[in-house]
Amino acid sequence: MKALKQARHGHLKASLALIAGVVGVCAVVPAHAGLGGDPLSAPQGATTAKAVVHAAASGASAASDYTVRTTTLASGTVVNEYVSSAGAVFGIAWRGPRMPDLATLLGSYFPQYQQGLFAQRTARGGRGPVSVQDSGLVVNSGGHMGAFVGSAYLPQSLPAGVSASDIQ
C-alpha cells in the first residue's frame, strides 16, 4: 500500500512538472491580453480583426457597453478579448491548435490560476480539463493536441447584462 501511495505521489509530481513545463513552453509565444488590465498590442506575427462593439440593451447604462477584439496568433490560435467601456479586459477566450501563453493572458491573475490548478491536480490527478473557479477568477480550459479551447473572466467585472456564457 505504501509503495502504491509513493507511486501515485511520484506520478502526481511528474504530472505537475509536465504542466509547469508546458506553461514554460507556452511562455515563449507571447499572447494578446492581460486580464483585469488594458488590452495588449498584438504580438509579432498575429493579426487583429476589427473590434466588435456590443451596445448596452435599452435602459442599461453605457457602462454595460463592451468591445470584443479578435486576434489570430501566428500559431493559428484565436484569442477574443472582452474589453469594458472603461478599457479593462474582463474576459478572454481562446481556441486553436496551440495553447496561448496563459501567464500573459491572465496577467496578475496568473498566480491565482496556478494555485487553483495545483489544488485541482492534487485532488483529481494530473489530467483532464481545467476548471478553476473562485469569487475573483474563473478559468476553464481543455482540449487536446491541435485543438485547445478555454476562457477566463473576472465575475466581479462583468458588465451589467453580460453573463459567463458570453465569454467565448
C-alpha atoms as a PDB file:
ATOM      1  CA  MET A   1       0.000   0.000   0.000  1.00  0.00           C
ATOM      2  CA  LYS A   2       2.803   2.390   0.895  1.00  0.00           C
ATOM      3  CA  ALA A   3       4.516   1.653  -2.438  1.00  0.00           C
ATOM      4  CA  LEU A   4       1.252   2.406  -4.267  1.00  0.00           C
ATOM      5  CA  LYS A   5       0.913   5.762  -2.489  1.00  0.00           C
ATOM      6  CA  GLN A   6       4.518   6.627  -3.309  1.00  0.00           C
ATOM      7  CA  ALA A   7       3.951   5.659  -6.956  1.00  0.00           C
ATOM      8  CA  ARG A   8       0.813   7.826  -7.135  1.00  0.00           C
ATOM      9  CA  HIS A   9       2.638  10.691  -5.432  1.00  0.00           C
ATOM     10  CA  GLY A  10       5.507  10.322  -7.910  1.00  0.00           C
ATOM     11  CA  HIS A  11       3.017  10.318 -10.812  1.00  0.00           C
ATOM     12  CA  LEU A  12       1.407  13.485  -9.460  1.00  0.00           C
ATOM     13  CA  LYS A  13       4.795  15.180  -9.140  1.00  0.00           C
ATOM     14  CA  ALA A  14       5.647  14.158 -12.712  1.00  0.00           C
ATOM     15  CA  SER A  15       2.293  15.479 -13.954  1.00  0.00           C
ATOM     16  CA  LEU A  16       2.757  18.804 -12.186  1.00  0.00           C
ATOM     17  CA  ALA A  17       6.285  19.057 -13.570  1.00  0.00           C
ATOM     18  CA  LEU A  18       4.858  18.423 -17.041  1.00  0.00           C
ATOM     19  CA  ILE A  19       2.248  21.152 -16.527  1.00  0.00           C
ATOM     20  CA  ALA A  20       4.957  23.564 -15.382  1.00  0.00           C
ATOM     21  CA  GLY A  21       6.989  22.650 -18.464  1.00  0.00           C
ATOM     22  CA  VAL A  22       4.027  23.239 -20.780  1.00  0.00           C
ATOM     23  CA  VAL A  23       3.386  26.614 -19.149  1.00  0.00           C
ATOM     24  CA  GLY A  24       7.079  27.427 -19.577  1.00  0.00           C
ATOM     25  CA  VAL A  25       6.992  26.464 -23.256  1.00  0.00           C
ATOM     26  CA  CYS A  26       3.833  28.489 -23.783  1.00  0.00           C
ATOM     27  CA  ALA A  27       5.589  31.497 -22.293  1.00  0.00           C
ATOM     28  CA  VAL A  28       7.860  31.582 -25.340  1.00  0.00           C
ATOM     29  CA  VAL A  29       4.916  32.515 -27.584  1.00  0.00           C
ATOM     30  CA  PRO A  30       3.550  35.876 -26.437  1.00  0.00           C
ATOM     31  CA  ALA A  31      -0.204  36.271 -26.393  1.00  0.00           C
ATOM     32  CA  HIS A  32      -2.563  39.177 -26.501  1.00  0.00           C
ATOM     33  CA  ALA A  33      -4.367  40.336 -23.357  1.00  0.00           C
ATOM     34  CA  GLY A  34      -3.877  40.999 -19.692  1.00  0.00           C
ATOM     35  CA  LEU A  35      -6.989  40.047 -17.713  1.00  0.00           C
ATOM     36  CA  GLY A  36      -8.078  42.901 -15.477  1.00  0.00           C
ATOM     37  CA  GLY A  37      -5.857  45.438 -17.228  1.00  0.00           C
ATOM     38  CA  ASP A  38      -5.504  47.215 -20.515  1.00  0.00           C
ATOM     39  CA  PRO A  39      -5.589  45.205 -23.728  1.00  0.00           C
ATOM     40  CA  LEU A  40      -2.121  44.465 -25.012  1.00  0.00           C
ATOM     41  CA  SER A  41      -0.988  45.012 -28.565  1.00  0.00           C
ATOM     42  CA  ALA A  42      -0.949  42.035 -30.908  1.00  0.00           C
ATOM     43  CA  PRO A  43       2.275  40.010 -30.749  1.00  0.00           C
ATOM     44  CA  GLN A  44       4.568  39.716 -33.748  1.00  0.00           C
ATOM     45  CA  GLY A  45       3.044  37.530 -36.469  1.00  0.00           C
ATOM     46  CA  ALA A  46      -0.528  37.981 -35.192  1.00  0.00           C
ATOM     47  CA  THR A  47      -3.425  39.590 -36.995  1.00  0.00           C
ATOM     48  CA  THR A  48      -6.153  41.561 -35.255  1.00  0.00           C
ATOM     49  CA  ALA A  49      -9.666  41.674 -36.635  1.00  0.00           C
ATOM     50  CA  LYS A  50     -11.852  44.728 -36.331  1.00  0.00           C
ATOM     51  CA  ALA A  51     -13.253  45.088 -32.846  1.00  0.00           C
ATOM     52  CA  VAL A  52     -16.962  44.404 -32.446  1.00  0.00           C
ATOM     53  CA  VAL A  53     -18.797  46.811 -30.143  1.00  0.00           C
ATOM     54  CA  HIS A  54     -21.701  45.444 -28.104  1.00  0.00           C
ATOM     55  CA  ALA A  55     -24.042  48.212 -27.006  1.00  0.00           C
ATOM     56  CA  ALA A  56     -25.995  48.125 -23.787  1.00  0.00           C
ATOM     57  CA  ALA A  57     -29.584  46.958 -24.001  1.00  0.00           C
ATOM     58  CA  SER A  58     -32.165  49.716 -23.892  1.00  0.00           C
ATOM     59  CA  GLY A  59     -32.459  51.006 -20.360  1.00  0.00           C
ATOM     60  CA  ALA A  60     -28.989  49.756 -19.412  1.00  0.00           C
ATOM     61  CA  SER A  61     -26.156  52.151 -18.682  1.00  0.00           C
ATOM     62  CA  ALA A  62     -23.346  52.955 -21.075  1.00  0.00           C
ATOM     63  CA  ALA A  63     -21.090  51.091 -18.610  1.00  0.00           C
ATOM     64  CA  SER A  64     -22.711  47.912 -19.978  1.00  0.00           C
ATOM     65  CA  ASP A  65     -21.114  48.523 -23.380  1.00  0.00           C
ATOM     66  CA  TYR A  66     -18.133  46.345 -24.221  1.00  0.00           C
ATOM     67  CA  THR A  67     -15.895  45.540 -27.146  1.00  0.00           C
ATOM     68  CA  VAL A  68     -14.669  42.178 -28.405  1.00  0.00           C
ATOM     69  CA  ARG A  69     -11.255  42.255 -30.092  1.00  0.00           C
ATOM     70  CA  THR A  70     -10.243  39.139 -32.002  1.00  0.00           C
ATOM     71  CA  THR A  71      -6.612  38.276 -32.624  1.00  0.00           C
ATOM     72  CA  THR A  72      -5.268  35.302 -34.543  1.00  0.00           C
ATOM     73  CA  LEU A  73      -1.832  34.367 -33.243  1.00  0.00           C
ATOM     74  CA  ALA A  74       0.910  33.138 -35.579  1.00  0.00           C
ATOM     75  CA  SER A  75       0.209  29.605 -34.258  1.00  0.00           C
ATOM     76  CA  GLY A  76      -3.360  29.800 -35.582  1.00  0.00           C
ATOM     77  CA  THR A  77      -4.915  30.162 -32.125  1.00  0.00           C
ATOM     78  CA  VAL A  78      -7.710  32.744 -31.973  1.00  0.00           C
ATOM     79  CA  VAL A  79      -7.941  34.924 -28.855  1.00  0.00           C
ATOM     80  CA  ASN A  80     -11.008  37.048 -28.088  1.00  0.00           C
ATOM     81  CA  GLU A  81     -10.613  39.885 -25.586  1.00  0.00           C
ATOM     82  CA  TYR A  82     -13.696  41.297 -23.878  1.00  0.00           C
ATOM     83  CA  VAL A  83     -12.993  44.932 -23.014  1.00  0.00           C
ATOM     84  CA  SER A  84     -15.269  47.101 -20.853  1.00  0.00           C
ATOM     85  CA  SER A  85     -16.236  50.646 -21.776  1.00  0.00           C
ATOM     86  CA  ALA A  86     -13.613  51.736 -19.213  1.00  0.00           C
ATOM     87  CA  GLY A  87     -10.925  49.946 -21.251  1.00  0.00           C
ATOM     88  CA  ALA A  88     -10.233  46.996 -18.902  1.00  0.00           C
ATOM     89  CA  VAL A  89     -10.192  43.380 -20.088  1.00  0.00           C
ATOM     90  CA  PHE A  90     -12.854  41.470 -18.115  1.00  0.00           C
ATOM     91  CA  GLY A  91     -12.823  38.256 -20.131  1.00  0.00           C
ATOM     92  CA  ILE A  92     -10.698  36.259 -22.560  1.00  0.00           C
ATOM     93  CA  ALA A  93     -11.469  33.210 -24.691  1.00  0.00           C
ATOM     94  CA  TRP A  94      -9.220  31.133 -26.933  1.00  0.00           C
ATOM     95  CA  ARG A  95      -9.456  28.263 -29.403  1.00  0.00           C
ATOM     96  CA  GLY A  96      -6.891  26.759 -31.699  1.00  0.00           C
ATOM     97  CA  PRO A  97      -4.103  24.298 -32.305  1.00  0.00           C
ATOM     98  CA  ARG A  98      -1.872  25.608 -29.503  1.00  0.00           C
ATOM     99  CA  MET A  99      -2.421  26.891 -26.010  1.00  0.00           C
ATOM    100  CA  PRO A 100      -1.763  30.620 -25.747  1.00  0.00           C
ATOM    101  CA  ASP A 101       0.608  31.985 -23.113  1.00  0.00           C
ATOM    102  CA  LEU A 102      -1.653  31.927 -20.061  1.00  0.00           C
ATOM    103  CA  ALA A 103       0.840  33.925 -17.999  1.00  0.00           C
ATOM    104  CA  THR A 104       0.373  36.827 -20.408  1.00  0.00           C
ATOM    105  CA  LEU A 105      -3.368  36.300 -20.902  1.00  0.00           C
ATOM    106  CA  LEU A 106      -4.124  36.138 -17.190  1.00  0.00           C
ATOM    107  CA  GLY A 107      -1.660  38.850 -16.207  1.00  0.00           C
ATOM    108  CA  SER A 108      -1.673  39.493 -12.468  1.00  0.00           C
ATOM    109  CA  TYR A 109      -4.260  36.705 -12.013  1.00  0.00           C
ATOM    110  CA  PHE A 110      -1.833  34.007 -13.218  1.00  0.00           C
ATOM    111  CA  PRO A 111      -0.543  33.110  -9.694  1.00  0.00           C
ATOM    112  CA  GLN A 112      -4.155  32.713  -8.514  1.00  0.00           C
ATOM    113  CA  TYR A 113      -4.778  30.414 -11.503  1.00  0.00           C
ATOM    114  CA  GLN A 114      -1.659  28.377 -10.693  1.00  0.00           C
ATOM    115  CA  GLN A 115      -2.822  27.882  -7.099  1.00  0.00           C
ATOM    116  CA  GLY A 116      -6.255  26.724  -8.271  1.00  0.00           C
ATOM    117  CA  LEU A 117      -4.679  24.442 -10.873  1.00  0.00           C
ATOM    118  CA  PHE A 118      -2.355  22.900  -8.276  1.00  0.00           C
ATOM    119  CA  ALA A 119      -5.292  22.282  -5.910  1.00  0.00           C
ATOM    120  CA  GLN A 120      -7.334  20.692  -8.718  1.00  0.00           C
ATOM    121  CA  ARG A 121      -4.463  18.479  -9.885  1.00  0.00           C
ATOM    122  CA  THR A 122      -3.685  17.418  -6.316  1.00  0.00           C
ATOM    123  CA  ALA A 123      -7.310  16.424  -5.713  1.00  0.00           C
ATOM    124  CA  ARG A 124      -8.047  14.850  -9.109  1.00  0.00           C
ATOM    125  CA  GLY A 125      -4.772  13.889 -10.667  1.00  0.00           C
ATOM    126  CA  GLY A 126      -2.766  15.452 -13.447  1.00  0.00           C
ATOM    127  CA  ARG A 127      -5.001  15.028 -16.484  1.00  0.00           C
ATOM    128  CA  GLY A 128      -8.220  16.342 -17.913  1.00  0.00           C
ATOM    129  CA  PRO A 129      -9.810  19.708 -18.402  1.00  0.00           C
ATOM    130  CA  VAL A 130      -9.026  22.580 -16.056  1.00  0.00           C
ATOM    131  CA  SER A 131     -11.720  24.383 -14.112  1.00  0.00           C
ATOM    132  CA  VAL A 132     -10.502  26.961 -11.619  1.00  0.00           C
ATOM    133  CA  GLN A 133     -13.371  28.832 -10.009  1.00  0.00           C
ATOM    134  CA  ASP A 134     -13.378  31.216  -7.108  1.00  0.00           C
ATOM    135  CA  SER A 135     -15.018  34.526  -6.340  1.00  0.00           C
ATOM    136  CA  GLY A 136     -12.421  36.593  -8.180  1.00  0.00           C
ATOM    137  CA  LEU A 137     -11.412  34.435 -11.157  1.00  0.00           C
ATOM    138  CA  VAL A 138     -12.917  31.723 -13.351  1.00  0.00           C
ATOM    139  CA  VAL A 139     -10.779  29.784 -15.844  1.00  0.00           C
ATOM    140  CA  ASN A 140     -11.963  26.826 -17.920  1.00  0.00           C
ATOM    141  CA  SER A 141      -9.606  25.148 -20.338  1.00  0.00           C
ATOM    142  CA  GLY A 142      -9.478  21.868 -22.171  1.00  0.00           C
ATOM    143  CA  GLY A 143      -8.831  20.099 -25.414  1.00  0.00           C
ATOM    144  CA  HIS A 144      -6.004  18.055 -26.814  1.00  0.00           C
ATOM    145  CA  MET A 145      -3.005  18.450 -29.094  1.00  0.00           C
ATOM    146  CA  GLY A 146      -4.136  20.537 -32.047  1.00  0.00           C
ATOM    147  CA  ALA A 147      -7.487  21.587 -30.566  1.00  0.00           C
ATOM    148  CA  PHE A 148      -7.423  23.678 -27.392  1.00  0.00           C
ATOM    149  CA  VAL A 149     -10.252  25.845 -26.064  1.00  0.00           C
ATOM    150  CA  GLY A 150     -10.696  27.927 -22.966  1.00  0.00           C
ATOM    151  CA  SER A 151     -11.964  31.041 -21.323  1.00  0.00           C
ATOM    152  CA  ALA A 152     -11.190  33.189 -18.324  1.00  0.00           C
ATOM    153  CA  TYR A 153     -13.144  36.019 -16.777  1.00  0.00           C
ATOM    154  CA  LEU A 154     -13.477  38.157 -13.698  1.00  0.00           C
ATOM    155  CA  PRO A 155     -17.004  37.620 -12.275  1.00  0.00           C
ATOM    156  CA  GLN A 156     -16.963  40.932 -10.373  1.00  0.00           C
ATOM    157  CA  SER A 157     -16.034  42.831 -13.550  1.00  0.00           C
ATOM    158  CA  LEU A 158     -18.699  41.508 -15.912  1.00  0.00           C
ATOM    159  CA  PRO A 159     -20.732  44.476 -17.191  1.00  0.00           C
ATOM    160  CA  ALA A 160     -24.462  44.532 -16.453  1.00  0.00           C
ATOM    161  CA  GLY A 161     -26.272  42.200 -18.834  1.00  0.00           C
ATOM    162  CA  VAL A 162     -23.133  40.168 -19.678  1.00  0.00           C
ATOM    163  CA  SER A 163     -23.008  36.565 -18.483  1.00  0.00           C
ATOM    164  CA  ALA A 164     -20.239  33.987 -18.331  1.00  0.00           C
ATOM    165  CA  SER A 165     -21.706  32.267 -21.413  1.00  0.00           C
ATOM    166  CA  ASP A 166     -20.994  35.435 -23.436  1.00  0.00           C
ATOM    167  CA  ILE A 167     -17.227  34.864 -22.993  1.00  0.00           C
ATOM    168  CA  GLN A 168     -16.434  32.549 -25.920  1.00  0.00           C
END
